[in-house]
Amino acid sequence: RLLWTIAISVSITVLQVVGSLLSGSLALLADAAHSLTDAVGVSRQGP
């Protein structure tokens, strides 16, 4: 479940970055950065 959560979070982040670059949306890029920090936080959960 943890690996699926990380994979989904990273996928959403990539889609947000691509969308922000295509649309020129700084808000979407900021949201992508926030999603990335969420993915990093979840991935740092050890045993």
ModelCIF file with pLDDT and N, C-alpha, C, O atoms, coordinates in Angstrom:
data_MODEL
#
_entry.id   MODEL 
#
_entity.id                         1 
_entity.type                       polymer 
_entity.pdbx_number_of_molecules   1 
#
_entity_poly.entity_id                      1 
_entity_poly.type                           'polypeptide(L)' 
_entity_poly.nstd_linkage                   no 
_entity_poly.nstd_monomer                   no 
_entity_poly.pdbx_seq_one_letter_code       RLLWTIAISVSITVLQVVGSLLSGSLALLADAAHSLTDAVGVSRQGP 
_entity_poly.pdbx_seq_one_letter_code_can   RLLWTIAISVSITVLQVVGSLLSGSLALLADAAHSLTDAVGVSRQGP 
_entity_poly.pdbx_strand_id                 A 
#
loop_
_entity_poly_seq.entity_id 
_entity_poly_seq.num 
_entity_poly_seq.mon_id 
_entity_poly_seq.hetero 
1 1  ARG n 
1 2  LEU n 
1 3  LEU n 
1 4  TRP n 
1 5  THR n 
1 6  ILE n 
1 7  ALA n 
1 8  ILE n 
1 9  SER n 
1 10 VAL n 
1 11 SER n 
1 12 ILE n 
1 13 THR n 
1 14 VAL n 
1 15 LEU n 
1 16 GLN n 
1 17 VAL n 
1 18 VAL n 
1 19 GLY n 
1 20 SER n 
1 21 LEU n 
1 22 LEU n 
1 23 SER n 
1 24 GLY n 
1 25 SER n 
1 26 LEU n 
1 27 ALA n 
1 28 LEU n 
1 29 LEU n 
1 30 ALA n 
1 31 ASP n 
1 32 ALA n 
1 33 ALA n 
1 34 HIS n 
1 35 SER n 
1 36 LEU n 
1 37 THR n 
1 38 ASP n 
1 39 ALA n 
1 40 VAL n 
1 41 GLY n 
1 42 VAL n 
1 43 SER n 
1 44 ARG n 
1 45 GLN n 
1 46 GLY n 
1 47 PRO n 
#
_struct_asym.id          A 
_struct_asym.entity_id   1 
#
loop_
_ma_qa_metric.id 
_ma_qa_metric.mode 
_ma_qa_metric.name 
_ma_qa_metric.software_group_id 
_ma_qa_metric.type 
1 global pLDDT . pLDDT 
2 local  pLDDT . pLDDT 
#
_ma_qa_metric_global.metric_id      1 
_ma_qa_metric_global.metric_value   91.57 
_ma_qa_metric_global.model_id       1 
_ma_qa_metric_global.ordinal_id     1 
#
loop_
_ma_qa_metric_local.label_asym_id 
_ma_qa_metric_local.label_comp_id 
_ma_qa_metric_local.label_seq_id 
_ma_qa_metric_local.metric_id 
_ma_qa_metric_local.metric_value 
_ma_qa_metric_local.model_id 
_ma_qa_metric_local.ordinal_id 
A ARG 1  2 85.00 1 1  
A LEU 2  2 85.00 1 2  
A LEU 3  2 87.00 1 3  
A TRP 4  2 91.00 1 4  
A THR 5  2 89.00 1 5  
A ILE 6  2 90.00 1 6  
A ALA 7  2 93.00 1 7  
A ILE 8  2 94.00 1 8  
A SER 9  2 93.00 1 9  
A VAL 10 2 94.00 1 10 
A SER 11 2 95.00 1 11 
A ILE 12 2 95.00 1 12 
A THR 13 2 96.00 1 13 
A VAL 14 2 96.00 1 14 
A LEU 15 2 96.00 1 15 
A GLN 16 2 96.00 1 16 
A VAL 17 2 97.00 1 17 
A VAL 18 2 97.00 1 18 
A GLY 19 2 97.00 1 19 
A SER 20 2 97.00 1 20 
A LEU 21 2 96.00 1 21 
A LEU 22 2 97.00 1 22 
A SER 23 2 97.00 1 23 
A GLY 24 2 95.00 1 24 
A SER 25 2 96.00 1 25 
A LEU 26 2 97.00 1 26 
A ALA 27 2 96.00 1 27 
A LEU 28 2 96.00 1 28 
A LEU 29 2 96.00 1 29 
A ALA 30 2 97.00 1 30 
A ASP 31 2 96.00 1 31 
A ALA 32 2 96.00 1 32 
A ALA 33 2 96.00 1 33 
A HIS 34 2 95.00 1 34 
A SER 35 2 94.00 1 35 
A LEU 36 2 94.00 1 36 
A THR 37 2 94.00 1 37 
A ASP 38 2 90.00 1 38 
A ALA 39 2 90.00 1 39 
A VAL 40 2 91.00 1 40 
A GLY 41 2 89.00 1 41 
A VAL 42 2 85.00 1 42 
A SER 43 2 85.00 1 43 
A ARG 44 2 84.00 1 44 
A GLN 45 2 75.00 1 45 
A GLY 46 2 63.00 1 46 
A PRO 47 2 61.00 1 47 
#
loop_
_atom_site.group_PDB 
_atom_site.id 
_atom_site.type_symbol 
_atom_site.label_atom_id 
_atom_site.label_alt_id 
_atom_site.label_comp_id 
_atom_site.label_asym_id 
_atom_site.label_entity_id 
_atom_site.label_seq_id 
_atom_site.pdbx_PDB_ins_code 
_atom_site.Cartn_x 
_atom_site.Cartn_y 
_atom_site.Cartn_z 
_atom_site.occupancy 
_atom_site.B_iso_or_equiv 
_atom_site.pdbx_formal_charge 
_atom_site.auth_seq_id 
_atom_site.auth_comp_id 
_atom_site.auth_asym_id 
_atom_site.auth_atom_id 
_atom_site.pdbx_PDB_model_num 
ATOM 1   N N  . ARG A 1 1  ? 0.831  -1.206 0.000   1.00 85.00 ? 1  ARG A N  1 
ATOM 2   C CA . ARG A 1 1  ? 0.000  0.000  0.000   1.00 85.00 ? 1  ARG A CA 1 
ATOM 3   C C  . ARG A 1 1  ? 0.862  1.250  0.000   1.00 85.00 ? 1  ARG A C  1 
ATOM 4   O O  . ARG A 1 1  ? 0.537  2.233  -0.666  1.00 85.00 ? 1  ARG A O  1 
ATOM 5   N N  . LEU A 1 2  ? 1.946  1.217  0.736   1.00 85.00 ? 2  LEU A N  1 
ATOM 6   C CA . LEU A 1 2  ? 2.859  2.354  0.783   1.00 85.00 ? 2  LEU A CA 1 
ATOM 7   C C  . LEU A 1 2  ? 3.468  2.610  -0.593  1.00 85.00 ? 2  LEU A C  1 
ATOM 8   O O  . LEU A 1 2  ? 3.562  3.758  -1.027  1.00 85.00 ? 2  LEU A O  1 
ATOM 9   N N  . LEU A 1 3  ? 3.881  1.548  -1.277  1.00 87.00 ? 3  LEU A N  1 
ATOM 10  C CA . LEU A 1 3  ? 4.473  1.698  -2.602  1.00 87.00 ? 3  LEU A CA 1 
ATOM 11  C C  . LEU A 1 3  ? 3.452  2.225  -3.610  1.00 87.00 ? 3  LEU A C  1 
ATOM 12  O O  . LEU A 1 3  ? 3.791  3.046  -4.463  1.00 87.00 ? 3  LEU A O  1 
ATOM 13  N N  . TRP A 1 4  ? 2.217  1.764  -3.519  1.00 91.00 ? 4  TRP A N  1 
ATOM 14  C CA . TRP A 1 4  ? 1.168  2.284  -4.396  1.00 91.00 ? 4  TRP A CA 1 
ATOM 15  C C  . TRP A 1 4  ? 0.917  3.769  -4.119  1.00 91.00 ? 4  TRP A C  1 
ATOM 16  O O  . TRP A 1 4  ? 0.720  4.549  -5.051  1.00 91.00 ? 4  TRP A O  1 
ATOM 17  N N  . THR A 1 5  ? 0.924  4.151  -2.869  1.00 89.00 ? 5  THR A N  1 
ATOM 18  C CA . THR A 1 5  ? 0.707  5.550  -2.512  1.00 89.00 ? 5  THR A CA 1 
ATOM 19  C C  . THR A 1 5  ? 1.808  6.432  -3.079  1.00 89.00 ? 5  THR A C  1 
ATOM 20  O O  . THR A 1 5  ? 1.541  7.513  -3.604  1.00 89.00 ? 5  THR A O  1 
ATOM 21  N N  . ILE A 1 6  ? 3.043  5.968  -2.971  1.00 90.00 ? 6  ILE A N  1 
ATOM 22  C CA . ILE A 1 6  ? 4.170  6.729  -3.511  1.00 90.00 ? 6  ILE A CA 1 
ATOM 23  C C  . ILE A 1 6  ? 4.070  6.829  -5.029  1.00 90.00 ? 6  ILE A C  1 
ATOM 24  O O  . ILE A 1 6  ? 4.286  7.899  -5.598  1.00 90.00 ? 6  ILE A O  1 
ATOM 25  N N  . ALA A 1 7  ? 3.742  5.711  -5.687  1.00 93.00 ? 7  ALA A N  1 
ATOM 26  C CA . ALA A 1 7  ? 3.633  5.710  -7.153  1.00 93.00 ? 7  ALA A CA 1 
ATOM 27  C C  . ALA A 1 7  ? 2.542  6.659  -7.632  1.00 93.00 ? 7  ALA A C  1 
ATOM 28  O O  . ALA A 1 7  ? 2.741  7.393  -8.600  1.00 93.00 ? 7  ALA A O  1 
ATOM 29  N N  . ILE A 1 8  ? 1.403  6.653  -6.971  1.00 94.00 ? 8  ILE A N  1 
ATOM 30  C CA . ILE A 1 8  ? 0.309  7.545  -7.365  1.00 94.00 ? 8  ILE A CA 1 
ATOM 31  C C  . ILE A 1 8  ? 0.693  9.004  -7.129  1.00 94.00 ? 8  ILE A C  1 
ATOM 32  O O  . ILE A 1 8  ? 0.414  9.860  -7.968  1.00 94.00 ? 8  ILE A O  1 
ATOM 33  N N  . SER A 1 9  ? 1.330  9.293  -5.995  1.00 93.00 ? 9  SER A N  1 
ATOM 34  C CA . SER A 1 9  ? 1.734  10.666 -5.688  1.00 93.00 ? 9  SER A CA 1 
ATOM 35  C C  . SER A 1 9  ? 2.742  11.199 -6.692  1.00 93.00 ? 9  SER A C  1 
ATOM 36  O O  . SER A 1 9  ? 2.644  12.344 -7.134  1.00 93.00 ? 9  SER A O  1 
ATOM 37  N N  . VAL A 1 10 ? 3.711  10.368 -7.051  1.00 94.00 ? 10 VAL A N  1 
ATOM 38  C CA . VAL A 1 10 ? 4.726  10.796 -8.026  1.00 94.00 ? 10 VAL A CA 1 
ATOM 39  C C  . VAL A 1 10 ? 4.084  10.983 -9.403  1.00 94.00 ? 10 VAL A C  1 
ATOM 40  O O  . VAL A 1 10 ? 4.425  11.926 -10.117 1.00 94.00 ? 10 VAL A O  1 
ATOM 41  N N  . SER A 1 11 ? 3.166  10.102 -9.781  1.00 95.00 ? 11 SER A N  1 
ATOM 42  C CA . SER A 1 11 ? 2.484  10.235 -11.073 1.00 95.00 ? 11 SER A CA 1 
ATOM 43  C C  . SER A 1 11 ? 1.687  11.537 -11.145 1.00 95.00 ? 11 SER A C  1 
ATOM 44  O O  . SER A 1 11 ? 1.717  12.237 -12.158 1.00 95.00 ? 11 SER A O  1 
ATOM 45  N N  . ILE A 1 12 ? 0.988  11.849 -10.081 1.00 95.00 ? 12 ILE A N  1 
ATOM 46  C CA . ILE A 1 12 ? 0.223  13.102 -10.044 1.00 95.00 ? 12 ILE A CA 1 
ATOM 47  C C  . ILE A 1 12 ? 1.162  14.299 -10.144 1.00 95.00 ? 12 ILE A C  1 
ATOM 48  O O  . ILE A 1 12 ? 0.862  15.275 -10.831 1.00 95.00 ? 12 ILE A O  1 
ATOM 49  N N  . THR A 1 13 ? 2.296  14.219 -9.459  1.00 96.00 ? 13 THR A N  1 
ATOM 50  C CA . THR A 1 13 ? 3.276  15.310 -9.502  1.00 96.00 ? 13 THR A CA 1 
ATOM 51  C C  . THR A 1 13 ? 3.782  15.532 -10.921 1.00 96.00 ? 13 THR A C  1 
ATOM 52  O O  . THR A 1 13 ? 3.868  16.668 -11.385 1.00 96.00 ? 13 THR A O  1 
ATOM 53  N N  . VAL A 1 14 ? 4.115  14.444 -11.607 1.00 96.00 ? 14 VAL A N  1 
ATOM 54  C CA . VAL A 1 14 ? 4.617  14.560 -12.987 1.00 96.00 ? 14 VAL A CA 1 
ATOM 55  C C  . VAL A 1 14 ? 3.549  15.173 -13.888 1.00 96.00 ? 14 VAL A C  1 
ATOM 56  O O  . VAL A 1 14 ? 3.843  16.052 -14.699 1.00 96.00 ? 14 VAL A O  1 
ATOM 57  N N  . LEU A 1 15 ? 2.308  14.706 -13.745 1.00 96.00 ? 15 LEU A N  1 
ATOM 58  C CA . LEU A 1 15 ? 1.231  15.262 -14.564 1.00 96.00 ? 15 LEU A CA 1 
ATOM 59  C C  . LEU A 1 15 ? 1.013  16.743 -14.269 1.00 96.00 ? 15 LEU A C  1 
ATOM 60  O O  . LEU A 1 15 ? 0.727  17.518 -15.182 1.00 96.00 ? 15 LEU A O  1 
ATOM 61  N N  . GLN A 1 16 ? 1.140  17.137 -13.033 1.00 96.00 ? 16 GLN A N  1 
ATOM 62  C CA . GLN A 1 16 ? 0.972  18.550 -12.676 1.00 96.00 ? 16 GLN A CA 1 
ATOM 63  C C  . GLN A 1 16 ? 2.096  19.406 -13.251 1.00 96.00 ? 16 GLN A C  1 
ATOM 64  O O  . GLN A 1 16 ? 1.853  20.521 -13.712 1.00 96.00 ? 16 GLN A O  1 
ATOM 65  N N  . VAL A 1 17 ? 3.324  18.892 -13.227 1.00 97.00 ? 17 VAL A N  1 
ATOM 66  C CA . VAL A 1 17 ? 4.448  19.651 -13.793 1.00 97.00 ? 17 VAL A CA 1 
ATOM 67  C C  . VAL A 1 17 ? 4.250  19.828 -15.296 1.00 97.00 ? 17 VAL A C  1 
ATOM 68  O O  . VAL A 1 17 ? 4.422  20.925 -15.828 1.00 97.00 ? 17 VAL A O  1 
ATOM 69  N N  . VAL A 1 18 ? 3.888  18.739 -15.976 1.00 97.00 ? 18 VAL A N  1 
ATOM 70  C CA . VAL A 1 18 ? 3.656  18.823 -17.424 1.00 97.00 ? 18 VAL A CA 1 
ATOM 71  C C  . VAL A 1 18 ? 2.515  19.790 -17.721 1.00 97.00 ? 18 VAL A C  1 
ATOM 72  O O  . VAL A 1 18 ? 2.623  20.630 -18.615 1.00 97.00 ? 18 VAL A O  1 
ATOM 73  N N  . GLY A 1 19 ? 1.434  19.672 -16.978 1.00 97.00 ? 19 GLY A N  1 
ATOM 74  C CA . GLY A 1 19 ? 0.296  20.574 -17.175 1.00 97.00 ? 19 GLY A CA 1 
ATOM 75  C C  . GLY A 1 19 ? 0.642  22.023 -16.920 1.00 97.00 ? 19 GLY A C  1 
ATOM 76  O O  . GLY A 1 19 ? 0.175  22.914 -17.629 1.00 97.00 ? 19 GLY A O  1 
ATOM 77  N N  . SER A 1 20 ? 1.462  22.263 -15.905 1.00 97.00 ? 20 SER A N  1 
ATOM 78  C CA . SER A 1 20 ? 1.839  23.652 -15.602 1.00 97.00 ? 20 SER A CA 1 
ATOM 79  C C  . SER A 1 20 ? 2.748  24.230 -16.680 1.00 97.00 ? 20 SER A C  1 
ATOM 80  O O  . SER A 1 20 ? 2.658  25.413 -17.008 1.00 97.00 ? 20 SER A O  1 
ATOM 81  N N  . LEU A 1 21 ? 3.623  23.394 -17.227 1.00 96.00 ? 21 LEU A N  1 
ATOM 82  C CA . LEU A 1 21 ? 4.497  23.879 -18.296 1.00 96.00 ? 21 LEU A CA 1 
ATOM 83  C C  . LEU A 1 21 ? 3.718  24.152 -19.577 1.00 96.00 ? 21 LEU A C  1 
ATOM 84  O O  . LEU A 1 21 ? 3.990  25.122 -20.284 1.00 96.00 ? 21 LEU A O  1 
ATOM 85  N N  . LEU A 1 22 ? 2.751  23.294 -19.867 1.00 97.00 ? 22 LEU A N  1 
ATOM 86  C CA . LEU A 1 22 ? 1.947  23.491 -21.081 1.00 97.00 ? 22 LEU A CA 1 
ATOM 87  C C  . LEU A 1 22 ? 1.018  24.693 -20.961 1.00 97.00 ? 22 LEU A C  1 
ATOM 88  O O  . LEU A 1 22 ? 0.785  25.396 -21.945 1.00 97.00 ? 22 LEU A O  1 
ATOM 89  N N  . SER A 1 23 ? 0.489  24.933 -19.773 1.00 97.00 ? 23 SER A N  1 
ATOM 90  C CA . SER A 1 23 ? -0.480 26.018 -19.594 1.00 97.00 ? 23 SER A CA 1 
ATOM 91  C C  . SER A 1 23 ? 0.144  27.306 -19.061 1.00 97.00 ? 23 SER A C  1 
ATOM 92  O O  . SER A 1 23 ? -0.477 28.368 -19.108 1.00 97.00 ? 23 SER A O  1 
ATOM 93  N N  . GLY A 1 24 ? 1.368  27.208 -18.558 1.00 95.00 ? 24 GLY A N  1 
ATOM 94  C CA . GLY A 1 24 ? 2.022  28.391 -17.987 1.00 95.00 ? 24 GLY A CA 1 
ATOM 95  C C  . GLY A 1 24 ? 1.457  28.758 -16.624 1.00 95.00 ? 24 GLY A C  1 
ATOM 96  O O  . GLY A 1 24 ? 1.537  29.915 -16.210 1.00 95.00 ? 24 GLY A O  1 
ATOM 97  N N  . SER A 1 25 ? 0.890  27.787 -15.927 1.00 96.00 ? 25 SER A N  1 
ATOM 98  C CA . SER A 1 25 ? 0.250  28.055 -14.642 1.00 96.00 ? 25 SER A CA 1 
ATOM 99  C C  . SER A 1 25 ? 1.246  27.902 -13.490 1.00 96.00 ? 25 SER A C  1 
ATOM 100 O O  . SER A 1 25 ? 1.743  26.809 -13.218 1.00 96.00 ? 25 SER A O  1 
ATOM 101 N N  . LEU A 1 26 ? 1.519  29.001 -12.836 1.00 97.00 ? 26 LEU A N  1 
ATOM 102 C CA . LEU A 1 26 ? 2.410  28.976 -11.684 1.00 97.00 ? 26 LEU A CA 1 
ATOM 103 C C  . LEU A 1 26 ? 1.727  28.297 -10.494 1.00 97.00 ? 26 LEU A C  1 
ATOM 104 O O  . LEU A 1 26 ? 2.389  27.644 -9.688  1.00 97.00 ? 26 LEU A O  1 
ATOM 105 N N  . ALA A 1 27 ? 0.415  28.450 -10.386 1.00 96.00 ? 27 ALA A N  1 
ATOM 106 C CA . ALA A 1 27 ? -0.324 27.808 -9.290  1.00 96.00 ? 27 ALA A CA 1 
ATOM 107 C C  . ALA A 1 27 ? -0.248 26.289 -9.394  1.00 96.00 ? 27 ALA A C  1 
ATOM 108 O O  . ALA A 1 27 ? -0.088 25.604 -8.384  1.00 96.00 ? 27 ALA A O  1 
ATOM 109 N N  . LEU A 1 28 ? -0.360 25.764 -10.602 1.00 96.00 ? 28 LEU A N  1 
ATOM 110 C CA . LEU A 1 28 ? -0.272 24.315 -10.794 1.00 96.00 ? 28 LEU A CA 1 
ATOM 111 C C  . LEU A 1 28 ? 1.144  23.822 -10.513 1.00 96.00 ? 28 LEU A C  1 
ATOM 112 O O  . LEU A 1 28 ? 1.323  22.723 -9.989  1.00 96.00 ? 28 LEU A O  1 
ATOM 113 N N  . LEU A 1 29 ? 2.149  24.622 -10.855 1.00 96.00 ? 29 LEU A N  1 
ATOM 114 C CA . LEU A 1 29 ? 3.529  24.255 -10.546 1.00 96.00 ? 29 LEU A CA 1 
ATOM 115 C C  . LEU A 1 29 ? 3.762  24.249 -9.035  1.00 96.00 ? 29 LEU A C  1 
ATOM 116 O O  . LEU A 1 29 ? 4.459  23.375 -8.521  1.00 96.00 ? 29 LEU A O  1 
ATOM 117 N N  . ALA A 1 30 ? 3.187  25.214 -8.324  1.00 97.00 ? 30 ALA A N  1 
ATOM 118 C CA . ALA A 1 30 ? 3.304  25.238 -6.864  1.00 97.00 ? 30 ALA A CA 1 
ATOM 119 C C  . ALA A 1 30 ? 2.607  24.036 -6.245  1.00 97.00 ? 30 ALA A C  1 
ATOM 120 O O  . ALA A 1 30 ? 3.097  23.466 -5.269  1.00 97.00 ? 30 ALA A O  1 
ATOM 121 N N  . ASP A 1 31 ? 1.466  23.646 -6.806  1.00 96.00 ? 31 ASP A N  1 
ATOM 122 C CA . ASP A 1 31 ? 0.764  22.468 -6.310  1.00 96.00 ? 31 ASP A CA 1 
ATOM 123 C C  . ASP A 1 31 ? 1.584  21.209 -6.588  1.00 96.00 ? 31 ASP A C  1 
ATOM 124 O O  . ASP A 1 31 ? 1.575  20.278 -5.782  1.00 96.00 ? 31 ASP A O  1 
ATOM 125 N N  . ALA A 1 32 ? 2.284  21.170 -7.706  1.00 96.00 ? 32 ALA A N  1 
ATOM 126 C CA . ALA A 1 32 ? 3.158  20.036 -8.014  1.00 96.00 ? 32 ALA A CA 1 
ATOM 127 C C  . ALA A 1 32 ? 4.287  19.940 -6.989  1.00 96.00 ? 32 ALA A C  1 
ATOM 128 O O  . ALA A 1 32 ? 4.650  18.843 -6.564  1.00 96.00 ? 32 ALA A O  1 
ATOM 129 N N  . ALA A 1 33 ? 4.837  21.080 -6.594  1.00 96.00 ? 33 ALA A N  1 
ATOM 130 C CA . ALA A 1 33 ? 5.889  21.072 -5.577  1.00 96.00 ? 33 ALA A CA 1 
ATOM 131 C C  . ALA A 1 33 ? 5.344  20.556 -4.244  1.00 96.00 ? 33 ALA A C  1 
ATOM 132 O O  . ALA A 1 33 ? 6.026  19.822 -3.530  1.00 96.00 ? 33 ALA A O  1 
ATOM 133 N N  . HIS A 1 34 ? 4.122  20.942 -3.917  1.00 95.00 ? 34 HIS A N  1 
ATOM 134 C CA . HIS A 1 34 ? 3.494  20.462 -2.692  1.00 95.00 ? 34 HIS A CA 1 
ATOM 135 C C  . HIS A 1 34 ? 3.256  18.954 -2.763  1.00 95.00 ? 34 HIS A C  1 
ATOM 136 O O  . HIS A 1 34 ? 3.489  18.244 -1.785  1.00 95.00 ? 34 HIS A O  1 
ATOM 137 N N  . SER A 1 35 ? 2.798  18.466 -3.903  1.00 94.00 ? 35 SER A N  1 
ATOM 138 C CA . SER A 1 35 ? 2.587  17.023 -4.082  1.00 94.00 ? 35 SER A CA 1 
ATOM 139 C C  . SER A 1 35 ? 3.908  16.266 -3.974  1.00 94.00 ? 35 SER A C  1 
ATOM 140 O O  . SER A 1 35 ? 3.955  15.158 -3.440  1.00 94.00 ? 35 SER A O  1 
ATOM 141 N N  . LEU A 1 36 ? 4.976  16.869 -4.480  1.00 94.00 ? 36 LEU A N  1 
ATOM 142 C CA . LEU A 1 36 ? 6.287  16.230 -4.398  1.00 94.00 ? 36 LEU A CA 1 
ATOM 143 C C  . LEU A 1 36 ? 6.740  16.113 -2.948  1.00 94.00 ? 36 LEU A C  1 
ATOM 144 O O  . LEU A 1 36 ? 7.290  15.085 -2.552  1.00 94.00 ? 36 LEU A O  1 
ATOM 145 N N  . THR A 1 37 ? 6.516  17.149 -2.157  1.00 94.00 ? 37 THR A N  1 
ATOM 146 C CA . THR A 1 37 ? 6.909  17.058 -0.743  1.00 94.00 ? 37 THR A CA 1 
ATOM 147 C C  . THR A 1 37 ? 6.078  16.006 -0.017  1.00 94.00 ? 37 THR A C  1 
ATOM 148 O O  . THR A 1 37 ? 6.580  15.344 0.892   1.00 94.00 ? 37 THR A O  1 
ATOM 149 N N  . ASP A 1 38 ? 4.817  15.844 -0.405  1.00 90.00 ? 38 ASP A N  1 
ATOM 150 C CA . ASP A 1 38 ? 3.996  14.772 0.174   1.00 90.00 ? 38 ASP A CA 1 
ATOM 151 C C  . ASP A 1 38 ? 4.568  13.412 -0.180  1.00 90.00 ? 38 ASP A C  1 
ATOM 152 O O  . ASP A 1 38 ? 4.666  12.538 0.681   1.00 90.00 ? 38 ASP A O  1 
ATOM 153 N N  . ALA A 1 39 ? 4.950  13.220 -1.441  1.00 90.00 ? 39 ALA A N  1 
ATOM 154 C CA . ALA A 1 39 ? 5.500  11.943 -1.880  1.00 90.00 ? 39 ALA A CA 1 
ATOM 155 C C  . ALA A 1 39 ? 6.819  11.634 -1.167  1.00 90.00 ? 39 ALA A C  1 
ATOM 156 O O  . ALA A 1 39 ? 7.070  10.492 -0.781  1.00 90.00 ? 39 ALA A O  1 
ATOM 157 N N  . VAL A 1 40 ? 7.652  12.651 -0.997  1.00 91.00 ? 40 VAL A N  1 
ATOM 158 C CA . VAL A 1 40 ? 8.929  12.458 -0.297  1.00 91.00 ? 40 VAL A CA 1 
ATOM 159 C C  . VAL A 1 40 ? 8.675  12.110 1.167   1.00 91.00 ? 40 VAL A C  1 
ATOM 160 O O  . VAL A 1 40 ? 9.332  11.229 1.722   1.00 91.00 ? 40 VAL A O  1 
ATOM 161 N N  . GLY A 1 41 ? 7.739  12.789 1.781   1.00 89.00 ? 41 GLY A N  1 
ATOM 162 C CA . GLY A 1 41 ? 7.414  12.509 3.184   1.00 89.00 ? 41 GLY A CA 1 
ATOM 163 C C  . GLY A 1 41 ? 6.917  11.089 3.384   1.00 89.00 ? 41 GLY A C  1 
ATOM 164 O O  . GLY A 1 41 ? 7.303  10.422 4.344   1.00 89.00 ? 41 GLY A O  1 
ATOM 165 N N  . VAL A 1 42 ? 6.068  10.625 2.490   1.00 85.00 ? 42 VAL A N  1 
ATOM 166 C CA . VAL A 1 42 ? 5.557  9.254  2.589   1.00 85.00 ? 42 VAL A CA 1 
ATOM 167 C C  . VAL A 1 42 ? 6.676  8.250  2.337   1.00 85.00 ? 42 VAL A C  1 
ATOM 168 O O  . VAL A 1 42 ? 6.743  7.215  3.000   1.00 85.00 ? 42 VAL A O  1 
ATOM 169 N N  . SER A 1 43 ? 7.550  8.548  1.387   1.00 85.00 ? 43 SER A N  1 
ATOM 170 C CA . SER A 1 43 ? 8.617  7.600  1.045   1.00 85.00 ? 43 SER A CA 1 
ATOM 171 C C  . SER A 1 43 ? 9.675  7.488  2.145   1.00 85.00 ? 43 SER A C  1 
ATOM 172 O O  . SER A 1 43 ? 10.425 6.512  2.181   1.00 85.00 ? 43 SER A O  1 
ATOM 173 N N  . ARG A 1 44 ? 9.742  8.466  3.031   1.00 84.00 ? 44 ARG A N  1 
ATOM 174 C CA . ARG A 1 44 ? 10.732 8.413  4.113   1.00 84.00 ? 44 ARG A CA 1 
ATOM 175 C C  . ARG A 1 44 ? 10.272 7.585  5.302   1.00 84.00 ? 44 ARG A C  1 
ATOM 176 O O  . ARG A 1 44 ? 10.998 7.460  6.289   1.00 84.00 ? 44 ARG A O  1 
ATOM 177 N N  . GLN A 1 45 ? 9.082  7.021  5.219   1.00 75.00 ? 45 GLN A N  1 
ATOM 178 C CA . GLN A 1 45 ? 8.583  6.180  6.300   1.00 75.00 ? 45 GLN A CA 1 
ATOM 179 C C  . GLN A 1 45 ? 9.317  4.851  6.276   1.00 75.00 ? 45 GLN A C  1 
ATOM 180 O O  . GLN A 1 45 ? 9.146  4.057  5.351   1.00 75.00 ? 45 GLN A O  1 
ATOM 181 N N  . GLY A 1 46 ? 10.121 4.612  7.277   1.00 63.00 ? 46 GLY A N  1 
ATOM 182 C CA . GLY A 1 46 ? 10.864 3.361  7.378   1.00 63.00 ? 46 GLY A CA 1 
ATOM 183 C C  . GLY A 1 46 ? 10.105 2.341  8.201   1.00 63.00 ? 46 GLY A C  1 
ATOM 184 O O  . GLY A 1 46 ? 8.962  2.581  8.592   1.00 63.00 ? 46 GLY A O  1 
ATOM 185 N N  . PRO A 1 47 ? 10.724 1.211  8.468   1.00 61.00 ? 47 PRO A N  1 
ATOM 186 C CA . PRO A 1 47 ? 10.074 0.197  9.303   1.00 61.00 ? 47 PRO A CA 1 
ATOM 187 C C  . PRO A 1 47 ? 9.774  0.749  10.693  1.00 61.00 ? 47 PRO A C  1 
ATOM 188 O O  . PRO A 1 47 ? 9.227  0.037  11.535  1.00 61.00 ? 47 PRO A O  1 
#
